[in-house]
Amino acid sequence: NPEVYEHVTIVYNGLLPKAGATEIFARVGFGQDWQGANDVRMIKTKSGYEATITAANAESLNVAFKDGFNNWDNNSGSNYVFNIEQ
């Protein structure tokens, strides 16, 4: 789990690129209400699509992914949620 203010690299190789998407964004927010939510453009690398963000002072880091056509991978509605160590 990330720590508060730690730089976190998100790597994604999921449903969207497997379906042929070439432009991927990570929707990133913090806590139950997705505070500070924004879309971060991901860069294609050998490992998949990557983006680096900074963990906020919140209880969780929440992530969902979308492509350039607004198709989403939100983990079947559960999103991808990581506890942030205080």
PDB file of N, CA and C in Angstrom:
ATOM      1  N   ASN A   1       0.834  -1.191   0.000  1.00  0.00           N
ATOM      2  CA  ASN A   1       0.000   0.000   0.000  1.00  0.00           C
ATOM      3  C   ASN A   1       0.876   1.250   0.000  1.00  0.00           C
ATOM      4  N   PRO A   2       0.452   2.276  -0.711  1.00  0.00           N
ATOM      5  CA  PRO A   2       1.237   3.514  -0.717  1.00  0.00           C
ATOM      6  C   PRO A   2       1.163   4.233   0.619  1.00  0.00           C
ATOM      7  N   GLU A   3       2.141   5.087   0.855  1.00  0.00           N
ATOM      8  CA  GLU A   3       2.151   5.938   2.039  1.00  0.00           C
ATOM      9  C   GLU A   3       1.757   7.354   1.633  1.00  0.00           C
ATOM     10  N   VAL A   4       1.296   8.145   2.598  1.00  0.00           N
ATOM     11  CA  VAL A   4       0.902   9.533   2.349  1.00  0.00           C
ATOM     12  C   VAL A   4       2.044  10.266   1.652  1.00  0.00           C
ATOM     13  N   TYR A   5       1.720  10.976   0.588  1.00  0.00           N
ATOM     14  CA  TYR A   5       2.641  11.805  -0.207  1.00  0.00           C
ATOM     15  C   TYR A   5       3.705  11.019  -0.971  1.00  0.00           C
ATOM     16  N   GLU A   6       3.594   9.701  -0.977  1.00  0.00           N
ATOM     17  CA  GLU A   6       4.531   8.875  -1.727  1.00  0.00           C
ATOM     18  C   GLU A   6       4.176   8.934  -3.217  1.00  0.00           C
ATOM     19  N   HIS A   7       5.199   8.927  -4.070  1.00  0.00           N
ATOM     20  CA  HIS A   7       4.975   8.830  -5.511  1.00  0.00           C
ATOM     21  C   HIS A   7       4.622   7.381  -5.824  1.00  0.00           C
ATOM     22  N   VAL A   8       3.535   7.198  -6.544  1.00  0.00           N
ATOM     23  CA  VAL A   8       3.020   5.866  -6.856  1.00  0.00           C
ATOM     24  C   VAL A   8       2.926   5.726  -8.368  1.00  0.00           C
ATOM     25  N   THR A   9       3.517   4.672  -8.893  1.00  0.00           N
ATOM     26  CA  THR A   9       3.390   4.383 -10.325  1.00  0.00           C
ATOM     27  C   THR A   9       2.300   3.347 -10.513  1.00  0.00           C
ATOM     28  N   ILE A  10       1.311   3.718 -11.307  1.00  0.00           N
ATOM     29  CA  ILE A  10       0.193   2.842 -11.631  1.00  0.00           C
ATOM     30  C   ILE A  10       0.504   2.200 -12.972  1.00  0.00           C
ATOM     31  N   VAL A  11       0.410   0.882 -13.045  1.00  0.00           N
ATOM     32  CA  VAL A  11       0.632   0.142 -14.285  1.00  0.00           C
ATOM     33  C   VAL A  11      -0.663  -0.585 -14.629  1.00  0.00           C
ATOM     34  N   TYR A  12      -1.103  -0.432 -15.871  1.00  0.00           N
ATOM     35  CA  TYR A  12      -2.381  -1.015 -16.293  1.00  0.00           C
ATOM     36  C   TYR A  12      -2.197  -1.815 -17.577  1.00  0.00           C
ATOM     37  N   ASN A  13      -2.646  -3.075 -17.540  1.00  0.00           N
ATOM     38  CA  ASN A  13      -2.621  -3.975 -18.697  1.00  0.00           C
ATOM     39  C   ASN A  13      -3.966  -4.656 -18.853  1.00  0.00           C
ATOM     40  N   GLY A  14      -5.034  -3.970 -18.496  1.00  0.00           N
ATOM     41  CA  GLY A  14      -6.330  -4.607 -18.388  1.00  0.00           C
ATOM     42  C   GLY A  14      -7.153  -4.655 -19.654  1.00  0.00           C
ATOM     43  N   LEU A  15      -8.442  -4.667 -19.442  1.00  0.00           N
ATOM     44  CA  LEU A  15      -9.454  -4.857 -20.465  1.00  0.00           C
ATOM     45  C   LEU A  15      -9.333  -3.886 -21.643  1.00  0.00           C
ATOM     46  N   LEU A  16      -9.106  -2.621 -21.389  1.00  0.00           N
ATOM     47  CA  LEU A  16      -9.130  -1.620 -22.462  1.00  0.00           C
ATOM     48  C   LEU A  16      -8.032  -1.815 -23.499  1.00  0.00           C
ATOM     49  N   PRO A  17      -6.764  -1.927 -23.117  1.00  0.00           N
ATOM     50  CA  PRO A  17      -5.755  -2.170 -24.146  1.00  0.00           C
ATOM     51  C   PRO A  17      -5.915  -3.534 -24.818  1.00  0.00           C
ATOM     52  N   LYS A  18      -6.416  -4.509 -24.083  1.00  0.00           N
ATOM     53  CA  LYS A  18      -6.655  -5.821 -24.681  1.00  0.00           C
ATOM     54  C   LYS A  18      -7.746  -5.755 -25.739  1.00  0.00           C
ATOM     55  N   ALA A  19      -8.648  -4.756 -25.608  1.00  0.00           N
ATOM     56  CA  ALA A  19      -9.715  -4.558 -26.593  1.00  0.00           C
ATOM     57  C   ALA A  19      -9.269  -3.642 -27.729  1.00  0.00           C
ATOM     58  N   GLY A  20      -8.010  -3.180 -27.685  1.00  0.00           N
ATOM     59  CA  GLY A  20      -7.475  -2.381 -28.777  1.00  0.00           C
ATOM     60  C   GLY A  20      -7.323  -0.897 -28.505  1.00  0.00           C
ATOM     61  N   ALA A  21      -7.646  -0.435 -27.311  1.00  0.00           N
ATOM     62  CA  ALA A  21      -7.491   0.991 -26.990  1.00  0.00           C
ATOM     63  C   ALA A  21      -6.018   1.381 -27.024  1.00  0.00           C
ATOM     64  N   THR A  22      -5.731   2.538 -27.580  1.00  0.00           N
ATOM     65  CA  THR A  22      -4.351   3.020 -27.657  1.00  0.00           C
ATOM     66  C   THR A  22      -4.144   4.289 -26.848  1.00  0.00           C
ATOM     67  N   GLU A  23      -5.209   4.843 -26.284  1.00  0.00           N
ATOM     68  CA  GLU A  23      -5.132   6.029 -25.432  1.00  0.00           C
ATOM     69  C   GLU A  23      -5.846   5.682 -24.133  1.00  0.00           C
ATOM     70  N   ILE A  24      -5.110   5.687 -23.013  1.00  0.00           N
ATOM     71  CA  ILE A  24      -5.655   5.274 -21.724  1.00  0.00           C
ATOM     72  C   ILE A  24      -5.442   6.397 -20.705  1.00  0.00           C
ATOM     73  N   PHE A  25      -6.473   6.614 -19.886  1.00  0.00           N
ATOM     74  CA  PHE A  25      -6.415   7.580 -18.796  1.00  0.00           C
ATOM     75  C   PHE A  25      -6.747   6.858 -17.499  1.00  0.00           C
ATOM     76  N   ALA A  26      -6.085   7.253 -16.419  1.00  0.00           N
ATOM     77  CA  ALA A  26      -6.429   6.774 -15.085  1.00  0.00           C
ATOM     78  C   ALA A  26      -7.248   7.869 -14.416  1.00  0.00           C
ATOM     79  N   ARG A  27      -8.454   7.545 -13.975  1.00  0.00           N
ATOM     80  CA  ARG A  27      -9.226   8.475 -13.143  1.00  0.00           C
ATOM     81  C   ARG A  27      -8.791   8.191 -11.717  1.00  0.00           C
ATOM     82  N   VAL A  28      -8.199   9.182 -11.065  1.00  0.00           N
ATOM     83  CA  VAL A  28      -7.611   9.019  -9.741  1.00  0.00           C
ATOM     84  C   VAL A  28      -8.310   9.953  -8.763  1.00  0.00           C
ATOM     85  N   GLY A  29      -8.697   9.423  -7.609  1.00  0.00           N
ATOM     86  CA  GLY A  29      -9.284  10.228  -6.544  1.00  0.00           C
ATOM     87  C   GLY A  29      -8.932   9.624  -5.201  1.00  0.00           C
ATOM     88  N   PHE A  30      -9.277  10.330  -4.137  1.00  0.00           N
ATOM     89  CA  PHE A  30      -8.875   9.906  -2.800  1.00  0.00           C
ATOM     90  C   PHE A  30     -10.062   9.880  -1.853  1.00  0.00           C
ATOM     91  N   GLY A  31     -10.079   8.875  -0.972  1.00  0.00           N
ATOM     92  CA  GLY A  31     -11.143   8.751   0.018  1.00  0.00           C
ATOM     93  C   GLY A  31     -12.448   8.274  -0.603  1.00  0.00           C
ATOM     94  N   GLN A  32     -13.455   8.088   0.239  1.00  0.00           N
ATOM     95  CA  GLN A  32     -14.739   7.560  -0.212  1.00  0.00           C
ATOM     96  C   GLN A  32     -15.418   8.446  -1.249  1.00  0.00           C
ATOM     97  N   ASP A  33     -15.181   9.748  -1.194  1.00  0.00           N
ATOM     98  CA  ASP A  33     -15.840  10.691  -2.101  1.00  0.00           C
ATOM     99  C   ASP A  33     -14.996  11.059  -3.317  1.00  0.00           C
ATOM    100  N   TRP A  34     -13.919  10.340  -3.554  1.00  0.00           N
ATOM    101  CA  TRP A  34     -13.040  10.598  -4.698  1.00  0.00           C
ATOM    102  C   TRP A  34     -12.554  12.062  -4.707  1.00  0.00           C
ATOM    103  N   GLN A  35     -12.130  12.572  -3.560  1.00  0.00           N
ATOM    104  CA  GLN A  35     -11.640  13.952  -3.485  1.00  0.00           C
ATOM    105  C   GLN A  35     -10.494  14.172  -4.458  1.00  0.00           C
ATOM    106  N   GLY A  36     -10.489  15.344  -5.072  1.00  0.00           N
ATOM    107  CA  GLY A  36      -9.422  15.716  -5.996  1.00  0.00           C
ATOM    108  C   GLY A  36      -9.392  14.871  -7.258  1.00  0.00           C
ATOM    109  N   ALA A  37     -10.509  14.253  -7.618  1.00  0.00           N
ATOM    110  CA  ALA A  37     -10.531  13.360  -8.782  1.00  0.00           C
ATOM    111  C   ALA A  37     -10.089  14.082 -10.045  1.00  0.00           C
ATOM    112  N   ASN A  38      -9.220  13.428 -10.796  1.00  0.00           N
ATOM    113  CA  ASN A  38      -8.809  13.956 -12.098  1.00  0.00           C
ATOM    114  C   ASN A  38      -8.348  12.805 -12.976  1.00  0.00           C
ATOM    115  N   ASP A  39      -8.284  13.093 -14.260  1.00  0.00           N
ATOM    116  CA  ASP A  39      -7.836  12.102 -15.234  1.00  0.00           C
ATOM    117  C   ASP A  39      -6.369  12.333 -15.545  1.00  0.00           C
ATOM    118  N   VAL A  40      -5.594  11.258 -15.494  1.00  0.00           N
ATOM    119  CA  VAL A  40      -4.161  11.316 -15.761  1.00  0.00           C
ATOM    120  C   VAL A  40      -3.891  10.469 -17.006  1.00  0.00           C
ATOM    121  N   ARG A  41      -3.313  11.101 -18.023  1.00  0.00           N
ATOM    122  CA  ARG A  41      -2.966  10.369 -19.246  1.00  0.00           C
ATOM    123  C   ARG A  41      -1.859   9.368 -18.930  1.00  0.00           C
ATOM    124  N   MET A  42      -2.039   8.142 -19.378  1.00  0.00           N
ATOM    125  CA  MET A  42      -1.061   7.095 -19.142  1.00  0.00           C
ATOM    126  C   MET A  42      -0.174   6.949 -20.375  1.00  0.00           C
ATOM    127  N   ILE A  43       1.071   6.577 -20.156  1.00  0.00           N
ATOM    128  CA  ILE A  43       2.067   6.425 -21.204  1.00  0.00           C
ATOM    129  C   ILE A  43       2.290   4.935 -21.462  1.00  0.00           C
ATOM    130  N   LYS A  44       2.315   4.543 -22.731  1.00  0.00           N
ATOM    131  CA  LYS A  44       2.565   3.137 -23.077  1.00  0.00           C
ATOM    132  C   LYS A  44       4.045   2.824 -22.880  1.00  0.00           C
ATOM    133  N   THR A  45       4.315   1.752 -22.138  1.00  0.00           N
ATOM    134  CA  THR A  45       5.677   1.273 -21.893  1.00  0.00           C
ATOM    135  C   THR A  45       5.717  -0.229 -22.166  1.00  0.00           C
ATOM    136  N   LYS A  46       6.872  -0.837 -21.979  1.00  0.00           N
ATOM    137  CA  LYS A  46       6.988  -2.289 -22.128  1.00  0.00           C
ATOM    138  C   LYS A  46       6.108  -3.022 -21.118  1.00  0.00           C
ATOM    139  N   SER A  47       5.903  -2.408 -19.955  1.00  0.00           N
ATOM    140  CA  SER A  47       5.121  -3.037 -18.888  1.00  0.00           C
ATOM    141  C   SER A  47       3.616  -2.877 -19.069  1.00  0.00           C
ATOM    142  N   GLY A  48       3.207  -1.959 -19.916  1.00  0.00           N
ATOM    143  CA  GLY A  48       1.788  -1.646 -20.097  1.00  0.00           C
ATOM    144  C   GLY A  48       1.623  -0.148 -20.161  1.00  0.00           C
ATOM    145  N   TYR A  49       0.510   0.355 -19.687  1.00  0.00           N
ATOM    146  CA  TYR A  49       0.287   1.798 -19.600  1.00  0.00           C
ATOM    147  C   TYR A  49       0.618   2.235 -18.185  1.00  0.00           C
ATOM    148  N   GLU A  50       1.391   3.322 -18.063  1.00  0.00           N
ATOM    149  CA  GLU A  50       1.865   3.763 -16.754  1.00  0.00           C
ATOM    150  C   GLU A  50       1.598   5.239 -16.532  1.00  0.00           C
ATOM    151  N   ALA A  51       1.366   5.580 -15.260  1.00  0.00           N
ATOM    152  CA  ALA A  51       1.261   6.967 -14.814  1.00  0.00           C
ATOM    153  C   ALA A  51       1.777   7.021 -13.382  1.00  0.00           C
ATOM    154  N   THR A  52       2.414   8.119 -13.023  1.00  0.00           N
ATOM    155  CA  THR A  52       2.894   8.305 -11.656  1.00  0.00           C
ATOM    156  C   THR A  52       2.112   9.445 -11.024  1.00  0.00           C
ATOM    157  N   ILE A  53       1.584   9.184  -9.828  1.00  0.00           N
ATOM    158  CA  ILE A  53       0.810  10.181  -9.089  1.00  0.00           C
ATOM    159  C   ILE A  53       1.396  10.277  -7.677  1.00  0.00           C
ATOM    160  N   THR A  54       0.928  11.238  -6.915  1.00  0.00           N
ATOM    161  CA  THR A  54       1.339  11.382  -5.527  1.00  0.00           C
ATOM    162  C   THR A  54       0.150  11.047  -4.638  1.00  0.00           C
ATOM    163  N   ALA A  55       0.333  10.143  -3.692  1.00  0.00           N
ATOM    164  CA  ALA A  55      -0.736   9.755  -2.774  1.00  0.00           C
ATOM    165  C   ALA A  55      -1.059  10.927  -1.847  1.00  0.00           C
ATOM    166  N   ALA A  56      -2.330  11.232  -1.714  1.00  0.00           N
ATOM    167  CA  ALA A  56      -2.774  12.323  -0.847  1.00  0.00           C
ATOM    168  C   ALA A  56      -2.880  11.838   0.596  1.00  0.00           C
ATOM    169  N   ASN A  57      -3.114  12.774   1.491  1.00  0.00           N
ATOM    170  CA  ASN A  57      -3.339  12.450   2.892  1.00  0.00           C
ATOM    171  C   ASN A  57      -4.813  12.056   3.036  1.00  0.00           C
ATOM    172  N   ALA A  58      -5.129  10.821   2.691  1.00  0.00           N
ATOM    173  CA  ALA A  58      -6.492  10.288   2.720  1.00  0.00           C
ATOM    174  C   ALA A  58      -6.417   8.820   3.086  1.00  0.00           C
ATOM    175  N   GLU A  59      -7.581   8.216   3.333  1.00  0.00           N
ATOM    176  CA  GLU A  59      -7.560   6.802   3.719  1.00  0.00           C
ATOM    177  C   GLU A  59      -7.377   5.859   2.546  1.00  0.00           C
ATOM    178  N   SER A  60      -7.693   6.323   1.306  1.00  0.00           N
ATOM    179  CA  SER A  60      -7.563   5.407   0.167  1.00  0.00           C
ATOM    180  C   SER A  60      -7.235   6.141  -1.121  1.00  0.00           C
ATOM    181  N   LEU A  61      -6.620   5.406  -2.023  1.00  0.00           N
ATOM    182  CA  LEU A  61      -6.362   5.822  -3.397  1.00  0.00           C
ATOM    183  C   LEU A  61      -7.324   5.015  -4.253  1.00  0.00           C
ATOM    184  N   ASN A  62      -8.136   5.708  -5.059  1.00  0.00           N
ATOM    185  CA  ASN A  62      -9.131   5.064  -5.905  1.00  0.00           C
ATOM    186  C   ASN A  62      -8.762   5.300  -7.362  1.00  0.00           C
ATOM    187  N   VAL A  63      -8.856   4.235  -8.172  1.00  0.00           N
ATOM    188  CA  VAL A  63      -8.484   4.343  -9.576  1.00  0.00           C
ATOM    189  C   VAL A  63      -9.511   3.599 -10.425  1.00  0.00           C
ATOM    190  N   ALA A  64      -9.849   4.185 -11.563  1.00  0.00           N
ATOM    191  CA  ALA A  64     -10.596   3.521 -12.627  1.00  0.00           C
ATOM    192  C   ALA A  64      -9.915   3.947 -13.924  1.00  0.00           C
ATOM    193  N   PHE A  65     -10.140   3.225 -14.987  1.00  0.00           N
ATOM    194  CA  PHE A  65      -9.447   3.501 -16.242  1.00  0.00           C
ATOM    195  C   PHE A  65     -10.463   3.734 -17.351  1.00  0.00           C
ATOM    196  N   LYS A  66     -10.095   4.627 -18.278  1.00  0.00           N
ATOM    197  CA  LYS A  66     -10.955   4.853 -19.444  1.00  0.00           C
ATOM    198  C   LYS A  66     -10.085   5.077 -20.665  1.00  0.00           C
ATOM    199  N   ASP A  67     -10.688   4.833 -21.832  1.00  0.00           N
ATOM    200  CA  ASP A  67      -9.964   5.069 -23.075  1.00  0.00           C
ATOM    201  C   ASP A  67     -10.434   6.375 -23.697  1.00  0.00           C
ATOM    202  N   GLY A  68      -9.912   6.705 -24.857  1.00  0.00           N
ATOM    203  CA  GLY A  68     -10.242   7.950 -25.532  1.00  0.00           C
ATOM    204  C   GLY A  68     -11.678   8.027 -26.025  1.00  0.00           C
ATOM    205  N   PHE A  69     -12.394   6.905 -26.011  1.00  0.00           N
ATOM    206  CA  PHE A  69     -13.795   6.869 -26.444  1.00  0.00           C
ATOM    207  C   PHE A  69     -14.752   6.764 -25.264  1.00  0.00           C
ATOM    208  N   ASN A  70     -14.231   6.987 -24.050  1.00  0.00           N
ATOM    209  CA  ASN A  70     -15.011   6.967 -22.816  1.00  0.00           C
ATOM    210  C   ASN A  70     -15.533   5.569 -22.454  1.00  0.00           C
ATOM    211  N   ASN A  71     -14.827   4.524 -22.886  1.00  0.00           N
ATOM    212  CA  ASN A  71     -15.098   3.167 -22.408  1.00  0.00           C
ATOM    213  C   ASN A  71     -14.330   2.993 -21.101  1.00  0.00           C
ATOM    214  N   TRP A  72     -14.972   2.374 -20.111  1.00  0.00           N
ATOM    215  CA  TRP A  72     -14.402   2.310 -18.769  1.00  0.00           C
ATOM    216  C   TRP A  72     -14.038   0.890 -18.346  1.00  0.00           C
ATOM    217  N   ASP A  73     -13.000   0.796 -17.518  1.00  0.00           N
ATOM    218  CA  ASP A  73     -12.697  -0.400 -16.736  1.00  0.00           C
ATOM    219  C   ASP A  73     -12.674   0.075 -15.286  1.00  0.00           C
ATOM    220  N   ASN A  74     -13.768  -0.203 -14.583  1.00  0.00           N
ATOM    221  CA  ASN A  74     -13.853   0.212 -13.182  1.00  0.00           C
ATOM    222  C   ASN A  74     -13.983  -1.007 -12.257  1.00  0.00           C
ATOM    223  N   ASN A  75     -13.362  -2.106 -12.691  1.00  0.00           N
ATOM    224  CA  ASN A  75     -13.327  -3.319 -11.865  1.00  0.00           C
ATOM    225  C   ASN A  75     -14.746  -3.780 -11.527  1.00  0.00           C
ATOM    226  N   SER A  76     -15.591  -3.837 -12.560  1.00  0.00           N
ATOM    227  CA  SER A  76     -16.988  -4.270 -12.411  1.00  0.00           C
ATOM    228  C   SER A  76     -17.749  -3.445 -11.370  1.00  0.00           C
ATOM    229  N   GLY A  77     -17.481  -2.136 -11.363  1.00  0.00           N
ATOM    230  CA  GLY A  77     -18.178  -1.228 -10.456  1.00  0.00           C
ATOM    231  C   GLY A  77     -17.540  -1.081  -9.092  1.00  0.00           C
ATOM    232  N   SER A  78     -16.507  -1.857  -8.797  1.00  0.00           N
ATOM    233  CA  SER A  78     -15.859  -1.780  -7.487  1.00  0.00           C
ATOM    234  C   SER A  78     -14.668  -0.835  -7.473  1.00  0.00           C
ATOM    235  N   ASN A  79     -14.232  -0.374  -8.645  1.00  0.00           N
ATOM    236  CA  ASN A  79     -13.029   0.439  -8.797  1.00  0.00           C
ATOM    237  C   ASN A  79     -11.813  -0.307  -8.253  1.00  0.00           C
ATOM    238  N   TYR A  80     -10.666   0.279  -8.420  1.00  0.00           N
ATOM    239  CA  TYR A  80      -9.424  -0.283  -7.879  1.00  0.00           C
ATOM    240  C   TYR A  80      -9.061   0.608  -6.697  1.00  0.00           C
ATOM    241  N   VAL A  81      -9.100   0.045  -5.501  1.00  0.00           N
ATOM    242  CA  VAL A  81      -8.957   0.832  -4.258  1.00  0.00           C
ATOM    243  C   VAL A  81      -7.771   0.304  -3.464  1.00  0.00           C
ATOM    244  N   PHE A  82      -6.914   1.226  -3.039  1.00  0.00           N
ATOM    245  CA  PHE A  82      -5.722   0.877  -2.269  1.00  0.00           C
ATOM    246  C   PHE A  82      -5.715   1.716  -1.006  1.00  0.00           C
ATOM    247  N   ASN A  83      -5.525   1.080   0.152  1.00  0.00           N
ATOM    248  CA  ASN A  83      -5.411   1.809   1.399  1.00  0.00           C
ATOM    249  C   ASN A  83      -4.123   2.615   1.394  1.00  0.00           C
ATOM    250  N   ILE A  84      -4.178   3.800   1.952  1.00  0.00           N
ATOM    251  CA  ILE A  84      -2.980   4.637   2.081  1.00  0.00           C
ATOM    252  C   ILE A  84      -2.517   4.561   3.520  1.00  0.00           C
ATOM    253  N   GLU A  85      -1.250   4.195   3.690  1.00  0.00           N
ATOM    254  CA  GLU A  85      -0.662   4.086   5.034  1.00  0.00           C
ATOM    255  C   GLU A  85      -0.387   5.485   5.574  1.00  0.00           C
ATOM    256  N   GLN A  86      -0.836   5.740   6.777  1.00  0.00           N
ATOM    257  CA  GLN A  86      -0.673   7.060   7.422  1.00  0.00           C
ATOM    258  C   GLN A  86       0.671   7.173   8.100  1.00  0.00           C
TER     259      GLN A  86
END
